[in-house]
N, C-alpha and C. Protein backbone atom coordinates (compact mmCIF):
# COMPACT_ATOMS: atom_id res chain seq x y z
N UNK A 1 71.41 29.20 63.41
CA UNK A 1 70.18 28.66 63.80
C UNK A 1 69.56 29.06 65.30
N UNK A 2 70.21 29.82 66.23
CA UNK A 2 69.69 29.62 67.58
C UNK A 2 69.41 31.47 67.35
N UNK A 3 70.22 31.88 66.35
CA UNK A 3 70.01 33.52 66.07
C UNK A 3 68.79 34.10 65.55
N UNK A 4 68.80 32.80 64.89
CA UNK A 4 67.22 33.12 63.81
C UNK A 4 66.10 32.80 64.83
N UNK A 5 65.98 31.83 65.65
CA UNK A 5 65.13 31.59 66.12
C UNK A 5 64.94 32.61 67.77
N UNK A 6 65.82 33.31 68.22
CA UNK A 6 65.44 34.66 69.33
C UNK A 6 65.41 35.28 68.47
N UNK A 7 65.74 35.87 67.24
CA UNK A 7 65.14 36.93 66.73
C UNK A 7 63.80 36.74 66.01
N UNK A 8 62.98 35.55 66.00
CA UNK A 8 61.65 35.30 65.90
C UNK A 8 60.69 35.74 66.91
N UNK A 9 61.52 34.91 67.94
CA UNK A 9 60.96 35.62 69.24
C UNK A 9 60.43 36.64 69.79
N UNK A 10 61.82 37.35 69.56
CA UNK A 10 61.79 38.80 70.03
C UNK A 10 61.10 39.59 69.11
N UNK A 11 60.64 39.17 67.99
CA UNK A 11 59.79 39.92 66.81
C UNK A 11 58.09 39.62 67.30
N UNK A 12 57.80 38.37 68.13
CA UNK A 12 56.69 37.94 68.34
C UNK A 12 56.33 38.44 69.79
N UNK A 13 57.74 39.41 70.39
CA UNK A 13 57.33 40.01 71.85
C UNK A 13 57.04 41.34 71.39
N UNK A 14 57.14 42.12 70.59
CA UNK A 14 57.19 43.48 70.24
C UNK A 14 56.18 44.01 69.83
N UNK A 15 54.90 42.72 69.67
CA UNK A 15 53.85 42.90 69.33
C UNK A 15 52.68 44.07 69.80
N UNK A 16 52.12 44.81 69.15
CA UNK A 16 51.15 45.80 70.03
C UNK A 16 49.93 45.95 69.13
N UNK A 17 49.13 46.46 70.22
CA UNK A 17 47.82 46.58 69.56
C UNK A 17 47.78 47.70 68.04
N UNK A 18 48.26 48.29 67.84
CA UNK A 18 48.66 49.16 66.22
C UNK A 18 48.84 48.58 65.46
N UNK A 19 47.93 48.17 64.29
CA UNK A 19 48.07 46.74 63.36
C UNK A 19 49.17 48.20 62.37
N UNK A 20 50.00 47.65 62.09
CA UNK A 20 50.77 48.15 60.92
C UNK A 20 51.52 47.16 60.59
N UNK A 21 51.47 46.00 60.19
CA UNK A 21 52.39 45.02 59.80
C UNK A 21 53.09 45.42 58.29
N UNK A 22 53.67 44.49 58.08
CA UNK A 22 54.71 44.87 56.73
C UNK A 22 53.78 44.28 55.66
N UNK A 23 52.79 43.77 55.85
CA UNK A 23 51.70 43.09 54.32
C UNK A 23 50.78 43.60 55.02
N UNK A 24 49.63 43.75 53.83
CA UNK A 24 48.32 43.73 54.10
C UNK A 24 47.18 43.32 53.21
N UNK A 25 46.28 43.30 53.13
CA UNK A 25 44.97 42.54 52.18
C UNK A 25 44.94 42.78 50.98
N UNK A 26 45.11 41.87 50.26
CA UNK A 26 45.58 41.77 48.83
C UNK A 26 46.79 41.90 48.13
N UNK A 27 47.65 42.19 49.21
CA UNK A 27 49.32 41.85 49.00
C UNK A 27 49.41 40.32 47.98
N UNK A 28 50.26 40.07 47.12
CA UNK A 28 51.05 38.83 46.66
C UNK A 28 52.61 38.79 47.37
N UNK A 29 53.31 37.86 48.17
CA UNK A 29 54.55 37.69 48.40
C UNK A 29 55.47 36.07 47.88
N UNK A 30 56.04 36.52 47.22
CA UNK A 30 56.57 36.02 46.71
C UNK A 30 58.08 35.33 47.64
N UNK A 31 58.18 34.30 48.27
CA UNK A 31 59.69 34.01 48.63
C UNK A 31 60.70 32.83 47.95
N UNK A 32 61.36 33.27 47.30
CA UNK A 32 62.50 32.44 47.01
C UNK A 32 63.38 32.03 47.93
N UNK A 33 63.57 30.79 48.53
CA UNK A 33 64.54 30.08 50.06
C UNK A 33 65.39 29.20 49.56
N UNK A 34 66.31 29.04 50.88
CA UNK A 34 67.55 27.89 50.80
C UNK A 34 67.52 27.64 51.97
N UNK A 35 67.46 26.33 52.33
CA UNK A 35 67.58 25.63 54.00
C UNK A 35 68.82 24.48 54.02
N UNK A 36 68.39 24.24 55.41
CA UNK A 36 69.17 23.33 56.10
C UNK A 36 68.66 22.55 57.19
N UNK A 37 69.05 21.50 57.44
CA UNK A 37 70.00 20.28 56.96
C UNK A 37 69.43 19.29 55.80
N UNK A 38 70.32 18.99 54.93
CA UNK A 38 69.81 18.10 54.05
C UNK A 38 69.89 17.25 54.69
N UNK A 39 69.13 16.43 55.48
CA UNK A 39 69.34 14.94 55.91
C UNK A 39 69.41 13.71 55.08
N UNK A 40 68.94 13.84 54.08
CA UNK A 40 69.37 12.41 53.06
C UNK A 40 70.77 12.32 52.56
N UNK A 41 71.47 13.73 52.74
CA UNK A 41 72.88 13.70 52.33
C UNK A 41 73.58 13.51 53.71
N UNK A 42 72.98 13.53 54.64
CA UNK A 42 73.90 13.57 56.12
C UNK A 42 73.44 12.04 56.12
N UNK A 43 72.14 11.54 56.10
CA UNK A 43 72.40 10.07 56.28
C UNK A 43 72.99 9.02 55.42
N UNK A 44 73.22 9.42 53.90
CA UNK A 44 74.26 8.93 52.93
C UNK A 44 75.34 8.73 53.43
N UNK A 45 75.91 9.54 53.83
CA UNK A 45 77.44 9.53 54.36
C UNK A 45 77.85 8.76 55.81
N UNK A 46 76.42 8.41 55.91
CA UNK A 46 76.62 7.42 57.57
C UNK A 46 76.44 6.07 56.89
N UNK A 47 76.29 5.80 55.37
CA UNK A 47 75.48 4.47 55.30
C UNK A 47 76.44 4.22 54.14
N UNK A 48 77.77 4.79 53.74
CA UNK A 48 78.32 4.73 52.25
C UNK A 48 79.14 3.12 52.62
N UNK A 49 79.34 2.45 53.62
CA UNK A 49 80.22 1.70 53.44
C UNK A 49 80.35 0.46 52.71
N UNK A 50 81.28 0.16 52.37
CA UNK A 50 81.48 -1.18 51.17
C UNK A 50 81.51 -0.19 49.62
N UNK A 51 81.57 0.93 49.80
CA UNK A 51 81.87 1.63 48.42
C UNK A 51 83.07 2.73 49.07
N UNK A 52 84.40 2.12 47.56
CA UNK A 52 85.61 3.20 47.85
C UNK A 52 85.42 4.56 47.18
N UNK A 53 86.14 5.39 47.29
CA UNK A 53 86.14 6.82 46.93
C UNK A 53 84.86 7.39 46.77
N UNK A 54 84.22 7.54 47.31
CA UNK A 54 82.87 7.83 47.37
C UNK A 54 82.67 9.75 47.52
N UNK A 55 81.99 9.76 46.71
CA UNK A 55 81.75 11.52 46.06
C UNK A 55 80.13 12.12 46.77
N UNK A 56 79.96 12.14 47.56
CA UNK A 56 78.46 12.92 47.98
C UNK A 56 78.11 13.85 47.40
N UNK A 57 76.99 14.04 47.14
CA UNK A 57 76.71 15.80 46.87
C UNK A 57 75.29 16.08 47.09
N UNK A 58 74.71 17.00 47.04
CA UNK A 58 73.52 17.42 47.23
C UNK A 58 72.71 18.61 47.53
N UNK A 59 71.77 18.99 47.00
CA UNK A 59 71.19 20.31 47.21
C UNK A 59 69.67 20.64 48.33
N UNK A 60 69.89 21.30 48.46
CA UNK A 60 67.96 22.03 49.27
C UNK A 60 68.51 21.38 50.48
N UNK A 61 67.60 21.54 51.39
CA UNK A 61 66.40 21.71 50.92
C UNK A 61 65.72 23.18 50.15
N UNK A 62 65.09 23.63 49.29
CA UNK A 62 64.95 24.98 48.74
C UNK A 62 63.76 24.80 47.89
N UNK A 63 63.19 26.03 48.07
CA UNK A 63 61.49 26.01 47.46
C UNK A 63 61.32 27.39 47.10
N UNK A 64 59.69 27.44 46.91
CA UNK A 64 59.76 28.76 46.42
C UNK A 64 58.07 28.99 47.14
N UNK A 65 57.77 30.23 48.12
CA UNK A 65 56.62 30.24 48.68
C UNK A 65 55.59 31.13 48.12
N UNK A 66 54.59 30.65 47.69
CA UNK A 66 53.68 31.88 47.10
C UNK A 66 52.81 32.63 47.81
N UNK A 67 52.25 33.49 48.52
CA UNK A 67 50.83 33.68 49.23
C UNK A 67 50.22 35.45 49.11
N UNK A 68 49.03 35.15 48.93
CA UNK A 68 48.30 35.84 48.64
C UNK A 68 47.46 36.18 50.19
N UNK A 69 47.28 37.55 50.64
CA UNK A 69 46.59 38.03 51.64
C UNK A 69 45.08 38.39 51.62
N UNK A 70 44.42 37.36 52.18
CA UNK A 70 43.04 37.22 51.97
C UNK A 70 42.16 38.24 52.75
N UNK A 71 43.12 38.49 54.00
CA UNK A 71 42.52 39.60 55.20
C UNK A 71 43.47 40.07 55.42
N UNK A 72 43.80 40.98 56.60
CA UNK A 72 44.85 41.63 56.85
C UNK A 72 46.01 40.77 57.87
N UNK A 73 45.41 39.76 58.37
CA UNK A 73 46.06 38.89 59.24
C UNK A 73 46.22 37.24 58.70
N UNK A 74 45.44 36.67 57.23
CA UNK A 74 45.31 35.65 56.89
C UNK A 74 45.63 35.74 55.72
N UNK A 75 47.01 34.62 55.32
CA UNK A 75 47.06 34.25 53.65
C UNK A 75 46.82 33.08 53.44
N UNK A 76 47.02 32.60 52.09
CA UNK A 76 46.56 31.40 51.73
C UNK A 76 47.63 31.02 50.51
N UNK A 77 48.22 29.94 50.46
CA UNK A 77 48.59 29.82 48.81
C UNK A 77 49.72 28.74 48.80
N UNK A 78 50.47 28.43 48.30
CA UNK A 78 51.71 27.63 47.45
C UNK A 78 52.87 27.47 48.14
N UNK A 79 53.64 26.42 48.73
CA UNK A 79 54.78 26.05 49.07
C UNK A 79 55.70 24.93 48.28
N UNK A 80 56.13 24.90 47.65
CA UNK A 80 57.39 23.97 46.84
C UNK A 80 58.46 23.38 47.45
N UNK A 81 58.78 23.01 47.82
CA UNK A 81 60.22 21.96 48.78
C UNK A 81 60.79 21.28 47.46
N UNK A 82 62.04 21.59 47.16
CA UNK A 82 62.81 20.47 46.71
C UNK A 82 64.29 20.34 47.46
N UNK A 83 64.19 18.73 47.48
CA UNK A 83 65.74 18.46 47.90
C UNK A 83 66.43 17.13 47.17
N UNK A 84 67.73 17.00 47.51
CA UNK A 84 68.21 16.38 46.66
C UNK A 84 69.22 15.52 47.03
N UNK A 85 69.96 14.38 46.54
CA UNK A 85 71.57 13.64 46.65
C UNK A 85 71.97 12.97 46.02
N UNK A 86 73.28 12.80 45.46
CA UNK A 86 73.53 11.55 45.11
C UNK A 86 75.07 11.57 45.36
N UNK A 87 74.99 9.96 45.08
CA UNK A 87 76.31 9.35 46.01
C UNK A 87 76.66 8.52 44.74
N UNK A 88 78.35 8.59 44.53
CA UNK A 88 78.69 7.89 43.49
C UNK A 88 80.05 7.42 43.81
N UNK A 89 80.31 6.32 42.87
CA UNK A 89 82.10 5.63 43.73
C UNK A 89 82.04 4.08 42.95
N UNK A 90 82.84 3.38 43.47
CA UNK A 90 83.35 1.81 43.52
C UNK A 90 82.82 1.05 44.38
N UNK A 91 82.32 0.01 43.55
CA UNK A 91 81.62 -1.09 44.21
C UNK A 91 82.33 -2.58 43.85
N UNK A 92 82.85 -3.05 44.77
CA UNK A 92 83.90 -3.85 44.70
C UNK A 92 83.50 -5.34 45.01
N UNK A 93 83.17 -6.16 44.32
CA UNK A 93 82.40 -7.68 44.28
C UNK A 93 83.54 -8.62 44.56
N UNK A 94 83.39 -9.70 45.12
CA UNK A 94 84.18 -10.72 45.36
C UNK A 94 83.30 -12.11 44.74
N UNK A 95 83.97 -13.25 43.98
CA UNK A 95 83.07 -14.02 43.60
C UNK A 95 83.82 -15.61 43.70
N UNK A 96 83.80 -16.31 44.66
CA UNK A 96 84.49 -17.93 44.87
C UNK A 96 84.37 -18.47 43.68
N UNK A 97 85.60 -18.95 42.92
CA UNK A 97 85.72 -19.39 41.36
C UNK A 97 86.06 -21.08 42.03
N UNK A 98 85.11 -22.00 41.87
CA UNK A 98 85.47 -23.42 42.18
C UNK A 98 86.61 -23.95 41.12
N UNK A 99 86.56 -23.32 40.08
CA UNK A 99 87.81 -24.18 39.36
C UNK A 99 89.23 -23.72 39.39
N UNK A 100 89.66 -21.99 40.11
CA UNK A 100 90.77 -22.00 40.51
C UNK A 100 90.57 -21.98 41.36
N UNK A 101 89.99 -22.14 42.57
CA UNK A 101 90.00 -21.78 44.04
C UNK A 101 90.25 -20.67 44.51
N UNK A 102 90.09 -19.69 43.67
CA UNK A 102 90.10 -17.78 44.30
C UNK A 102 89.05 -17.38 43.96
N UNK A 103 89.21 -16.24 44.26
CA UNK A 103 88.22 -15.15 44.47
C UNK A 103 88.18 -14.67 43.38
N UNK A 104 87.32 -14.27 42.35
CA UNK A 104 87.21 -13.31 41.28
C UNK A 104 86.58 -12.02 41.88
N UNK A 105 87.67 -11.15 41.83
CA UNK A 105 87.34 -9.53 42.14
C UNK A 105 86.67 -8.74 40.91
N UNK A 106 85.47 -8.21 40.80
CA UNK A 106 85.17 -7.02 39.85
C UNK A 106 84.76 -6.09 40.28
N UNK A 107 85.15 -4.67 39.85
CA UNK A 107 85.04 -3.36 40.26
C UNK A 107 83.74 -2.89 39.34
N UNK A 108 82.56 -1.96 39.93
CA UNK A 108 81.73 -1.73 39.00
C UNK A 108 81.54 0.08 39.49
N UNK A 109 81.68 1.15 38.63
CA UNK A 109 81.30 2.30 38.84
C UNK A 109 79.59 2.30 39.19
N UNK A 110 79.55 2.69 40.39
CA UNK A 110 77.93 3.11 40.79
C UNK A 110 77.34 4.25 41.58
N UNK A 111 76.66 5.28 40.87
CA UNK A 111 75.76 6.13 41.00
C UNK A 111 74.55 6.03 41.73
N UNK A 112 74.21 6.81 42.55
CA UNK A 112 72.83 6.60 42.99
C UNK A 112 72.08 8.08 43.30
N UNK A 113 71.19 8.41 42.30
CA UNK A 113 70.58 9.94 42.76
C UNK A 113 69.10 9.95 43.24
N UNK A 114 68.78 10.55 44.22
CA UNK A 114 67.71 10.88 44.77
C UNK A 114 67.13 12.24 44.88
N UNK A 115 65.93 12.30 44.85
CA UNK A 115 65.19 13.72 44.95
C UNK A 115 63.57 13.28 45.80
N UNK A 116 63.51 14.41 46.14
CA UNK A 116 62.09 14.64 46.73
C UNK A 116 61.52 15.74 46.89
N UNK A 117 60.08 15.90 46.54
CA UNK A 117 59.21 17.19 45.99
C UNK A 117 58.48 17.12 47.07
N UNK A 118 57.77 18.22 47.42
CA UNK A 118 56.67 18.45 48.28
C UNK A 118 55.97 19.51 47.50
N UNK A 119 54.76 19.95 47.49
CA UNK A 119 53.87 20.71 47.35
C UNK A 119 53.05 21.03 48.41
N UNK A 120 52.60 22.16 48.82
CA UNK A 120 51.90 21.94 49.95
C UNK A 120 51.22 23.51 49.66
N UNK A 121 49.58 23.39 50.15
CA UNK A 121 48.53 24.07 50.19
C UNK A 121 49.33 24.66 51.84
N UNK A 122 49.15 26.21 51.61
CA UNK A 122 49.72 26.71 52.55
C UNK A 122 48.50 27.94 53.17
N UNK A 123 48.88 28.01 54.81
CA UNK A 123 47.90 28.61 55.31
C UNK A 123 48.61 29.55 56.31
N UNK A 124 48.46 30.78 56.58
CA UNK A 124 49.19 31.80 57.22
C UNK A 124 48.54 32.53 58.08
N UNK A 125 48.84 32.58 59.37
CA UNK A 125 48.38 33.66 60.39
C UNK A 125 49.54 35.25 60.51
N UNK A 126 49.17 36.34 60.41
CA UNK A 126 50.19 37.06 60.56
C UNK A 126 49.62 38.05 61.95
N UNK A 127 50.77 37.65 62.60
CA UNK A 127 50.85 38.75 63.86
C UNK A 127 50.24 40.45 63.48
N UNK A 128 49.98 41.05 64.65
CA UNK A 128 49.84 42.29 64.90
C UNK A 128 51.23 43.05 65.48
N UNK A 129 52.06 43.28 64.97
CA UNK A 129 53.04 44.54 64.93
C UNK A 129 53.48 45.64 65.04
N UNK A 130 54.27 45.95 65.74
CA UNK A 130 54.36 47.45 65.80
C UNK A 130 55.48 48.30 64.27
N UNK A 131 55.67 47.21 63.69
CA UNK A 131 56.67 48.16 62.94
C UNK A 131 56.15 47.95 61.44
N UNK A 132 55.88 48.86 60.47
CA UNK A 132 55.53 48.39 59.26
C UNK A 132 56.66 47.98 58.40
N UNK A 133 57.98 47.89 59.03
CA UNK A 133 58.90 47.05 57.67
C UNK A 133 58.66 45.63 58.26
N UNK A 134 57.62 45.25 59.05
CA UNK A 134 58.40 43.56 59.75
C UNK A 134 56.93 42.58 59.43
N UNK A 135 57.09 41.77 58.75
CA UNK A 135 55.95 40.79 58.96
C UNK A 135 56.22 39.34 59.39
N UNK A 136 55.51 39.13 60.73
CA UNK A 136 55.97 37.86 61.76
C UNK A 136 54.37 36.72 61.45
N UNK A 137 54.62 35.82 61.39
CA UNK A 137 53.52 34.67 61.02
C UNK A 137 53.90 33.69 61.32
N UNK A 138 52.83 32.73 61.64
CA UNK A 138 53.12 31.27 61.79
C UNK A 138 51.65 30.42 60.56
N UNK A 139 52.30 29.73 60.79
CA UNK A 139 51.54 28.64 59.25
C UNK A 139 51.55 27.31 59.34
N UNK A 140 50.82 26.97 58.54
CA UNK A 140 50.49 24.94 58.04
C UNK A 140 50.22 24.80 56.36
N UNK A 141 51.14 23.97 56.67
CA UNK A 141 51.04 23.24 55.17
C UNK A 141 50.50 22.23 54.91
N UNK A 142 50.13 21.72 53.92
CA UNK A 142 49.67 20.12 53.90
C UNK A 142 49.62 20.06 52.29
N UNK A 143 49.94 18.35 51.82
CA UNK A 143 50.28 18.44 50.46
C UNK A 143 50.95 17.11 50.17
N UNK A 144 51.63 17.26 48.94
CA UNK A 144 52.19 15.88 48.22
C UNK A 144 53.25 15.70 49.18
N UNK A 145 54.03 14.19 48.66
CA UNK A 145 54.97 13.79 49.22
C UNK A 145 55.85 13.04 48.31
N UNK A 146 56.19 13.19 47.29
CA UNK A 146 57.10 12.25 46.49
C UNK A 146 58.61 12.25 46.72
N UNK A 147 58.83 10.87 46.28
CA UNK A 147 60.84 10.71 46.61
C UNK A 147 60.65 9.72 44.99
N UNK A 148 62.17 10.31 44.58
CA UNK A 148 62.33 9.61 43.19
C UNK A 148 63.65 9.02 43.52
N UNK A 149 64.09 7.76 42.56
CA UNK A 149 65.69 7.20 43.08
C UNK A 149 65.93 7.03 41.43
N UNK A 150 67.05 6.87 41.22
CA UNK A 150 67.74 6.51 40.17
C UNK A 150 69.36 5.48 40.47
N UNK A 151 69.01 4.78 39.72
CA UNK A 151 70.81 4.14 40.15
C UNK A 151 71.42 3.33 38.75
N UNK A 152 72.49 3.95 38.89
CA UNK A 152 73.28 3.75 37.48
C UNK A 152 74.59 2.90 37.77
N UNK A 153 74.95 2.01 37.14
CA UNK A 153 75.94 1.05 36.99
C UNK A 153 76.80 1.25 35.52
N UNK A 154 78.10 1.45 35.70
CA UNK A 154 79.24 1.75 34.60
C UNK A 154 78.35 2.75 33.42
N UNK A 155 77.82 3.78 34.42
CA UNK A 155 77.38 4.67 33.47
C UNK A 155 75.88 4.81 33.11
N UNK A 156 75.34 3.64 33.17
CA UNK A 156 74.11 2.73 32.41
C UNK A 156 73.03 2.73 33.82
N UNK A 157 71.67 3.25 33.57
CA UNK A 157 70.83 3.55 34.64
C UNK A 157 70.09 1.80 34.21
N UNK A 158 70.14 1.28 35.77
CA UNK A 158 69.36 0.18 35.95
C UNK A 158 67.98 0.35 35.86
N UNK A 159 66.77 -0.11 35.47
CA UNK A 159 66.01 0.16 35.25
C UNK A 159 65.10 -0.39 36.44
N UNK A 160 65.36 -1.97 36.67
CA UNK A 160 64.60 -2.17 37.70
C UNK A 160 65.14 -1.34 39.37
N UNK A 161 66.09 -0.77 39.50
CA UNK A 161 66.51 0.23 40.27
C UNK A 161 66.05 1.56 40.58
N UNK A 162 65.48 1.94 39.53
CA UNK A 162 64.99 3.71 39.22
C UNK A 162 63.75 3.67 39.35
N UNK A 163 63.27 4.35 40.64
CA UNK A 163 61.53 3.82 40.64
C UNK A 163 61.20 5.24 41.34
N UNK A 164 60.01 5.29 41.62
CA UNK A 164 59.19 6.66 42.64
C UNK A 164 58.94 5.56 43.66
N UNK A 165 59.29 5.89 44.94
CA UNK A 165 58.44 5.77 45.93
C UNK A 165 58.00 6.54 46.99
N UNK A 166 56.92 6.21 47.38
CA UNK A 166 56.52 7.27 48.10
C UNK A 166 55.87 6.52 49.72
N UNK A 167 56.43 6.77 50.32
CA UNK A 167 56.31 5.91 51.97
C UNK A 167 54.55 6.62 52.57
N UNK A 168 54.73 7.43 52.49
CA UNK A 168 53.24 8.35 52.93
C UNK A 168 53.16 9.74 51.50
N UNK A 169 51.97 8.95 51.40
CA UNK A 169 51.25 10.13 50.04
C UNK A 169 50.98 11.34 50.75
N UNK A 170 51.22 11.69 51.91
CA UNK A 170 50.96 13.28 52.10
C UNK A 170 52.27 13.68 53.22
N UNK A 171 52.53 14.90 52.99
CA UNK A 171 53.44 15.67 53.96
C UNK A 171 52.33 16.96 54.64
N UNK A 172 53.23 17.32 55.99
CA UNK A 172 52.76 18.59 56.38
C UNK A 172 53.80 19.48 56.68
N UNK A 173 53.40 20.97 57.20
CA UNK A 173 54.42 21.30 57.64
C UNK A 173 54.05 22.48 58.43
N UNK A 174 54.75 22.52 59.43
CA UNK A 174 54.05 23.62 60.91
C UNK A 174 55.53 24.80 60.81
N UNK A 175 55.32 25.86 60.88
CA UNK A 175 56.62 26.71 61.04
C UNK A 175 55.98 27.93 61.36
N UNK A 176 57.10 28.84 61.81
CA UNK A 176 56.91 30.54 62.41
C UNK A 176 58.27 31.09 61.44
N UNK A 177 57.83 32.33 61.04
CA UNK A 177 58.66 33.03 60.09
C UNK A 177 58.60 34.67 60.38
N UNK A 178 59.59 35.07 59.22
CA UNK A 178 59.29 36.74 59.45
C UNK A 178 60.06 37.29 58.28
N UNK A 179 59.22 38.35 57.90
CA UNK A 179 60.19 38.68 56.59
C UNK A 179 60.33 40.21 57.16
N UNK A 180 61.57 40.98 56.87
CA UNK A 180 61.65 42.48 56.54
C UNK A 180 61.85 43.02 55.47
N UNK A 181 60.95 44.43 55.50
CA UNK A 181 61.20 45.13 54.19
C UNK A 181 62.30 45.70 54.19
N UNK A 182 62.97 46.05 53.26
CA UNK A 182 64.32 47.21 53.34
C UNK A 182 63.94 48.19 52.67
N UNK A 183 62.67 48.06 51.41
CA UNK A 183 61.86 48.68 50.84
C UNK A 183 60.55 48.65 50.44
N UNK A 184 59.53 49.16 49.85
CA UNK A 184 58.71 48.97 49.66
C UNK A 184 58.31 47.49 49.58
N UNK A 185 59.13 46.83 48.37
CA UNK A 185 58.67 46.00 47.65
C UNK A 185 59.78 44.64 48.03
N UNK A 186 60.85 45.11 48.33
CA UNK A 186 61.93 43.95 48.46
C UNK A 186 62.74 43.92 49.96
N UNK A 187 62.64 42.50 50.21
CA UNK A 187 63.24 42.39 51.57
C UNK A 187 63.48 40.90 51.79
N UNK A 188 64.19 40.11 53.17
CA UNK A 188 64.37 39.29 53.41
C UNK A 188 63.38 38.17 54.23
N UNK A 189 63.68 37.04 54.17
CA UNK A 189 62.49 35.88 54.84
C UNK A 189 63.29 35.09 55.50
N UNK A 190 62.84 34.35 56.46
CA UNK A 190 63.40 33.60 57.09
C UNK A 190 62.36 32.77 58.12
N UNK A 191 62.68 31.53 58.03
CA UNK A 191 61.42 30.40 58.63
C UNK A 191 62.16 29.34 59.20
N UNK A 192 61.84 28.56 60.63
CA UNK A 192 61.91 27.42 60.93
C UNK A 192 60.93 27.04 61.25
N UNK A 193 61.00 25.21 60.92
CA UNK A 193 59.84 24.81 60.67
C UNK A 193 59.74 23.54 61.38
N UNK A 194 58.98 22.31 61.24
CA UNK A 194 59.41 21.12 61.09
C UNK A 194 58.18 20.34 59.62
N UNK A 195 58.90 19.21 58.81
CA UNK A 195 58.08 18.73 57.70
C UNK A 195 58.42 20.03 56.25
N UNK A 196 59.85 19.75 56.30
CA UNK A 196 60.86 20.71 55.44
C UNK A 196 61.99 21.17 55.83
N UNK A 197 62.40 22.32 55.17
CA UNK A 197 63.64 22.65 55.97
C UNK A 197 63.56 23.33 57.50
N UNK A 198 64.43 22.93 58.62
CA UNK A 198 63.98 23.64 59.60
C UNK A 198 64.73 24.50 59.79
N UNK A 199 65.34 25.14 58.74
CA UNK A 199 65.82 26.67 58.72
C UNK A 199 66.01 27.05 57.46
N UNK A 200 65.29 28.17 57.14
CA UNK A 200 65.53 28.74 55.59
C UNK A 200 65.78 30.15 55.40
N UNK A 201 65.91 31.10 54.30
CA UNK A 201 66.02 32.49 54.51
C UNK A 201 66.30 32.40 52.80
N UNK A 202 65.70 33.30 52.51
CA UNK A 202 66.01 34.03 51.30
C UNK A 202 65.54 35.23 51.29
N UNK A 203 64.93 35.53 49.48
CA UNK A 203 64.33 36.90 49.73
C UNK A 203 62.85 36.98 49.62
N UNK A 204 62.31 37.97 49.79
CA UNK A 204 60.80 38.60 50.06
C UNK A 204 60.36 39.22 49.06
N UNK A 205 59.40 39.28 48.34
CA UNK A 205 58.94 39.88 47.04
C UNK A 205 57.61 40.24 47.20
N UNK A 206 57.31 41.66 47.33
CA UNK A 206 55.85 41.84 47.90
C UNK A 206 55.47 42.72 46.76
N UNK A 207 53.96 42.38 46.31
CA UNK A 207 53.38 43.11 44.95
C UNK A 207 52.15 43.72 45.23
C-alpha cells in the first residue's frame, strides 16, 4: 500500500504544462479491478466466538469502472463495487432438562452469507501529466448501498434471518488513481480511496 501511495504522489509531482496524458476526449476506459481489505470478513473473524470448526471465506472488494472522457480532463462513468463473505461452522446449544436434571446438548451446522453491492455515478478530474502513457486522476462517486444476508441451519435457509439490510441508502467514494498504458489500448490501473477498496489494482482497457 505504501508503494502504491508513493507512486501516485510521485506521478502528481511530475505534472507539467505540456498536456500529453494517457487519455483524451472521446476515450472510453474500462477498468476491472480487485482490492483489499475485506472489512466484513476481517470483522467476522473477530466475532466468531461460540461457533466451533469455523470456516470463513470472502471475496472482494472487486469491481468494474467504466469512464467516458467528456473533455480533455473530465470523465464521467459508473463504478460497481462488490464484496462479500461467508462463515460456517457448528453451533452448540444446551438446554436444561428438568426431568433428568441434566443439560441436553444439541449441535447444528450453521452458515451465514453476506454480500454488499454499491453502484456509483463517477466523476474524475485528470491531471496534466508530461507522459503520454500515464493517466493520473482524482475522483468522486455517489450511489446505492445494499447489503444482503442469508442464514442457513443444517443446510436449510432460514427465511426470517435472510434479508436485505441497508443502514444508509447511499454511499460515497473519494479516490486518487493512476493508469499506465504499455500499449495504445492496454494498461494497468491502481487506486486508493475511501468508500470502497482502500487499495485496488487491475487492468485498464482504453477504446
